[in-house]
Amino acid sequence: MTAATSIPEITADADRFAQALAAEIAGEPALRYQGMPSDGDSDRAYRALGEGGWIGVHWPVELGGRGLTSLDTLACEERFGYHWLPLSGYLLSVKTIGNALLRFASPELQERLIPEIAAGRILFCQGFSEPDAGSDLGSLRTRARVDGDRFVIDGRKIWTSSADYADWVYLAVRTDPERPRHRGISVLVAPISTTGIRVHSHPTLGGGTIGELELEGVEIP
């Protein structure tokens, strides 16, 4: 497809792709995904979207996207939702951190990560919520101090969806404790295998798992 592709064309293609993928994941030729998707289903759907060229539809071609418009992306995502694709991995890796990297990251970091996200080869988990802060970022206790040319992070994160499957994590950390509590906060990214990051899984009543991260002396350039 090219930038001249019309929304009806790309919507029809996305609809066919989503229908086939939903049936494959569900294990039956159904149009709707039945039941609660597991993290594994979400990971599988995310990788398939990347392989099929459905991640970053409006991202620059030179970074692995299709160079279309945000409206094209919205039209595709609408079709994915209609077929109940498990999109947790897509939400975390593309809608949240992928788009943020395109807006805020250095060109070097964009060139390193965006093509891999577009291809579905890097899956992110989100390190925002904390045991003593919930989802209130103003109460963050995880700190990142500067040591030479790197940050050193200590703290804990909870409700870390897909932590068992993720390749990278993006972390909300307090980098300036002297500023008002809703300021002085930064978002850092790191491979989940970075020394000092420990992943714990906790079973839920629904049969799934929820992740927790322990961060001790984690060094991020």
Protein backbone atom coordinates (compact mmCIF):
# COMPACT_ATOMS: atom_id res chain seq x y z
CA MET A 1 0.00 0.00 0.00
CA THR A 2 1.08 3.58 -0.58
CA ALA A 3 0.17 6.96 0.83
CA ALA A 4 -2.52 7.15 -1.88
CA THR A 5 -4.42 4.22 -0.36
CA SER A 6 -8.01 5.14 0.45
CA ILE A 7 -9.54 4.49 3.86
CA PRO A 8 -12.17 2.07 2.43
CA GLU A 9 -9.39 0.00 0.85
CA ILE A 10 -7.24 -0.23 3.96
CA THR A 11 -10.30 -0.81 6.15
CA ALA A 12 -11.36 -3.75 4.00
CA ASP A 13 -7.84 -5.23 4.16
CA ALA A 14 -7.68 -4.70 7.94
CA ASP A 15 -11.09 -6.33 8.34
CA ARG A 16 -10.01 -9.46 6.46
CA PHE A 17 -6.77 -9.67 8.43
CA ALA A 18 -8.51 -9.17 11.79
CA GLN A 19 -11.18 -11.76 11.01
CA ALA A 20 -8.61 -14.40 10.08
CA LEU A 21 -6.39 -13.65 13.09
CA ALA A 22 -9.31 -13.66 15.53
CA ALA A 23 -10.45 -17.06 14.22
CA GLU A 24 -6.91 -18.43 14.46
CA ILE A 25 -6.43 -17.26 18.05
CA ALA A 26 -9.88 -18.45 19.12
CA GLY A 27 -9.24 -21.83 17.55
CA GLU A 28 -12.51 -21.77 15.63
CA PRO A 29 -13.87 -19.92 12.56
CA ALA A 30 -15.65 -17.28 14.63
CA LEU A 31 -15.87 -13.56 14.00
CA ARG A 32 -15.60 -12.63 17.68
CA TYR A 33 -12.94 -13.65 20.13
CA GLN A 34 -14.66 -15.61 22.90
CA GLY A 35 -13.55 -15.39 26.52
CA MET A 36 -10.88 -13.44 28.34
CA PRO A 37 -7.62 -13.23 26.33
CA SER A 38 -4.45 -14.27 28.11
CA ASP A 39 -1.15 -12.41 27.97
CA GLY A 40 0.03 -15.09 25.58
CA ASP A 41 -2.85 -14.38 23.20
CA SER A 42 -2.05 -10.67 23.32
CA ASP A 43 1.61 -11.35 22.59
CA ARG A 44 0.66 -13.60 19.68
CA ALA A 45 -1.72 -11.00 18.23
CA TYR A 46 0.87 -8.24 18.58
CA ARG A 47 3.56 -10.23 16.76
CA ALA A 48 1.08 -11.11 13.99
CA LEU A 49 0.09 -7.46 13.55
CA GLY A 50 3.76 -6.56 13.12
CA GLU A 51 4.43 -9.34 10.66
CA GLY A 52 1.35 -8.31 8.69
CA GLY A 53 2.39 -4.66 8.48
CA TRP A 54 -0.45 -3.35 10.67
CA ILE A 55 1.68 -1.59 13.29
CA GLY A 56 2.55 2.06 12.74
CA VAL A 57 0.30 2.60 9.73
CA HIS A 58 0.81 6.37 10.01
CA TRP A 59 4.47 6.16 11.10
CA PRO A 60 7.23 7.25 8.68
CA VAL A 61 8.19 4.69 6.06
CA GLU A 62 11.87 5.08 6.97
CA LEU A 63 11.04 3.90 10.51
CA GLY A 64 9.04 0.88 9.40
CA GLY A 65 5.59 2.44 9.04
CA ARG A 66 3.40 2.91 5.98
CA GLY A 67 3.47 6.70 5.87
CA LEU A 68 -0.33 6.98 5.83
CA THR A 69 -2.46 9.16 8.12
CA SER A 70 -3.64 8.95 11.71
CA LEU A 71 -7.17 8.51 10.36
CA ASP A 72 -6.01 5.40 8.49
CA THR A 73 -4.59 4.03 11.74
CA LEU A 74 -7.85 4.76 13.56
CA ALA A 75 -9.86 2.99 10.86
CA CYS A 76 -7.65 -0.10 11.15
CA GLU A 77 -7.79 -0.15 14.95
CA GLU A 78 -11.57 0.05 14.76
CA ARG A 79 -11.66 -3.13 12.69
CA PHE A 80 -9.28 -4.90 15.09
CA GLY A 81 -11.62 -4.02 17.95
CA TYR A 82 -14.73 -5.20 16.13
CA HIS A 83 -13.18 -8.66 15.91
CA TRP A 84 -12.18 -8.71 19.57
CA LEU A 85 -8.48 -9.08 18.93
CA PRO A 86 -6.56 -9.16 22.24
CA LEU A 87 -4.73 -5.84 21.89
CA SER A 88 -3.00 -5.32 25.24
CA GLY A 89 0.45 -5.71 23.66
CA TYR A 90 -0.49 -3.30 20.88
CA LEU A 91 -1.84 -0.75 23.36
CA LEU A 92 1.31 -0.84 25.50
CA SER A 93 3.91 -0.98 22.73
CA VAL A 94 2.32 1.12 19.98
CA LYS A 95 -0.44 3.40 21.25
CA THR A 96 1.46 4.44 24.36
CA ILE A 97 5.25 4.23 24.19
CA GLY A 98 5.64 3.89 20.41
CA ASN A 99 3.82 7.14 19.70
CA ALA A 100 5.60 8.83 22.62
CA LEU A 101 8.99 7.79 21.26
CA LEU A 102 8.09 9.32 17.90
CA ARG A 103 7.25 12.59 19.61
CA PHE A 104 9.87 12.86 22.34
CA ALA A 105 12.79 10.45 21.82
CA SER A 106 16.13 11.26 20.25
CA PRO A 107 16.60 10.25 16.60
CA GLU A 108 19.06 7.58 17.74
CA LEU A 109 16.53 5.99 20.10
CA GLN A 110 13.80 6.20 17.47
CA GLU A 111 15.99 4.46 14.90
CA ARG A 112 16.83 1.74 17.41
CA LEU A 113 13.32 0.98 18.65
CA ILE A 114 10.59 2.19 16.27
CA PRO A 115 11.36 -0.20 13.36
CA GLU A 116 11.46 -3.12 15.81
CA ILE A 117 8.10 -2.10 17.29
CA ALA A 118 6.62 -1.69 13.81
CA ALA A 119 7.74 -5.21 12.95
CA GLY A 120 6.23 -6.62 16.15
CA ARG A 121 9.61 -7.80 17.38
CA ILE A 122 9.77 -5.70 20.57
CA LEU A 123 6.96 -5.97 23.11
CA PHE A 124 6.80 -3.44 25.97
CA CYS A 125 5.28 -3.58 29.42
CA GLN A 126 4.37 -0.51 31.45
CA GLY A 127 6.02 0.38 34.75
CA PHE A 128 3.82 3.18 36.08
CA SER A 129 1.73 1.99 39.06
CA GLU A 130 3.34 1.24 42.41
CA PRO A 131 2.34 -0.69 45.57
CA ASP A 132 2.30 2.46 47.72
CA ALA A 133 1.09 4.90 45.06
CA GLY A 134 -1.45 3.01 42.97
CA SER A 135 -1.87 4.74 39.61
CA ASP A 136 -1.31 8.23 41.04
CA LEU A 137 1.89 9.34 39.33
CA GLY A 138 2.08 12.28 41.69
CA SER A 139 2.84 9.78 44.49
CA LEU A 140 5.66 7.97 42.68
CA ARG A 141 8.39 6.68 44.98
CA THR A 142 10.61 4.99 42.41
CA ARG A 143 13.67 7.21 42.06
CA ALA A 144 16.23 7.64 39.31
CA ARG A 145 19.45 9.41 40.29
CA VAL A 146 22.12 10.52 37.86
CA ASP A 147 25.47 8.76 38.21
CA GLY A 148 27.90 9.88 35.52
CA ASP A 149 26.38 9.13 32.12
CA ARG A 150 23.49 7.01 33.41
CA PHE A 151 20.44 6.88 35.64
CA VAL A 152 20.37 4.44 38.55
CA ILE A 153 16.84 3.34 39.49
CA ASP A 154 15.51 1.85 42.72
CA GLY A 155 11.87 1.05 43.48
CA ARG A 156 8.94 -1.25 42.75
CA LYS A 157 6.16 -1.42 40.17
CA ILE A 158 2.87 -3.34 40.31
CA TRP A 159 0.01 -4.22 37.90
CA THR A 160 2.68 -4.67 35.23
CA SER A 161 0.68 -6.35 32.47
CA SER A 162 2.64 -8.60 30.08
CA ALA A 163 5.80 -8.41 32.22
CA ASP A 164 6.32 -12.15 31.72
CA TYR A 165 6.34 -11.72 27.95
CA ALA A 166 7.79 -8.26 27.43
CA ASP A 167 11.15 -7.54 25.85
CA TRP A 168 11.37 -3.94 27.12
CA VAL A 169 9.77 -1.85 29.85
CA TYR A 170 9.00 1.84 30.09
CA LEU A 171 9.30 3.25 33.59
CA ALA A 172 7.85 6.37 35.15
CA VAL A 173 10.46 7.51 37.69
CA ARG A 174 11.07 10.53 39.88
CA THR A 175 14.18 12.31 38.63
CA ASP A 176 13.80 15.58 40.56
CA PRO A 177 12.32 15.15 44.08
CA GLU A 178 12.66 18.89 44.76
CA ARG A 179 9.99 19.83 42.24
CA PRO A 180 6.19 19.69 42.87
CA ARG A 181 5.01 16.09 43.02
CA HIS A 182 3.40 16.11 39.57
CA ARG A 183 6.62 17.47 38.09
CA GLY A 184 10.15 16.15 38.10
CA ILE A 185 8.98 12.85 36.59
CA SER A 186 10.61 11.17 33.60
CA VAL A 187 9.91 8.10 31.49
CA LEU A 188 12.87 5.82 30.79
CA VAL A 189 13.00 2.70 28.62
CA ALA A 190 15.13 -0.40 29.14
CA PRO A 191 15.32 -4.07 28.14
CA ILE A 192 13.44 -6.18 30.69
CA SER A 193 16.62 -8.27 30.99
CA THR A 194 18.60 -5.31 32.38
CA THR A 195 20.55 -6.22 35.50
CA GLY A 196 18.59 -5.26 38.62
CA ILE A 197 15.10 -5.77 37.12
CA ARG A 198 13.32 -8.74 38.70
CA VAL A 199 9.92 -9.85 37.43
CA HIS A 200 7.39 -11.56 39.73
CA SER A 201 4.03 -12.99 38.64
CA HIS A 202 0.91 -13.17 40.81
CA PRO A 203 -2.19 -15.21 39.87
CA THR A 204 -5.51 -13.41 39.59
CA LEU A 205 -9.01 -14.67 40.41
CA GLY A 206 -9.81 -14.58 36.70
CA GLY A 207 -7.15 -17.15 35.92
CA GLY A 208 -4.56 -14.75 34.56
CA THR A 209 -1.45 -13.23 36.08
CA ILE A 210 -0.35 -9.76 37.06
CA GLY A 211 3.26 -8.69 37.09
CA GLU A 212 5.38 -6.93 39.69
CA LEU A 213 8.83 -5.44 39.10
CA GLU A 214 11.57 -5.03 41.68
CA LEU A 215 14.11 -2.42 40.61
CA GLU A 216 17.43 -2.39 42.44
CA GLY A 217 20.41 -0.50 41.11
CA VAL A 218 19.05 -0.62 37.56
CA GLU A 219 21.39 1.34 35.28
CA ILE A 220 19.98 3.02 32.17
CA PRO A 221 22.20 5.16 29.92
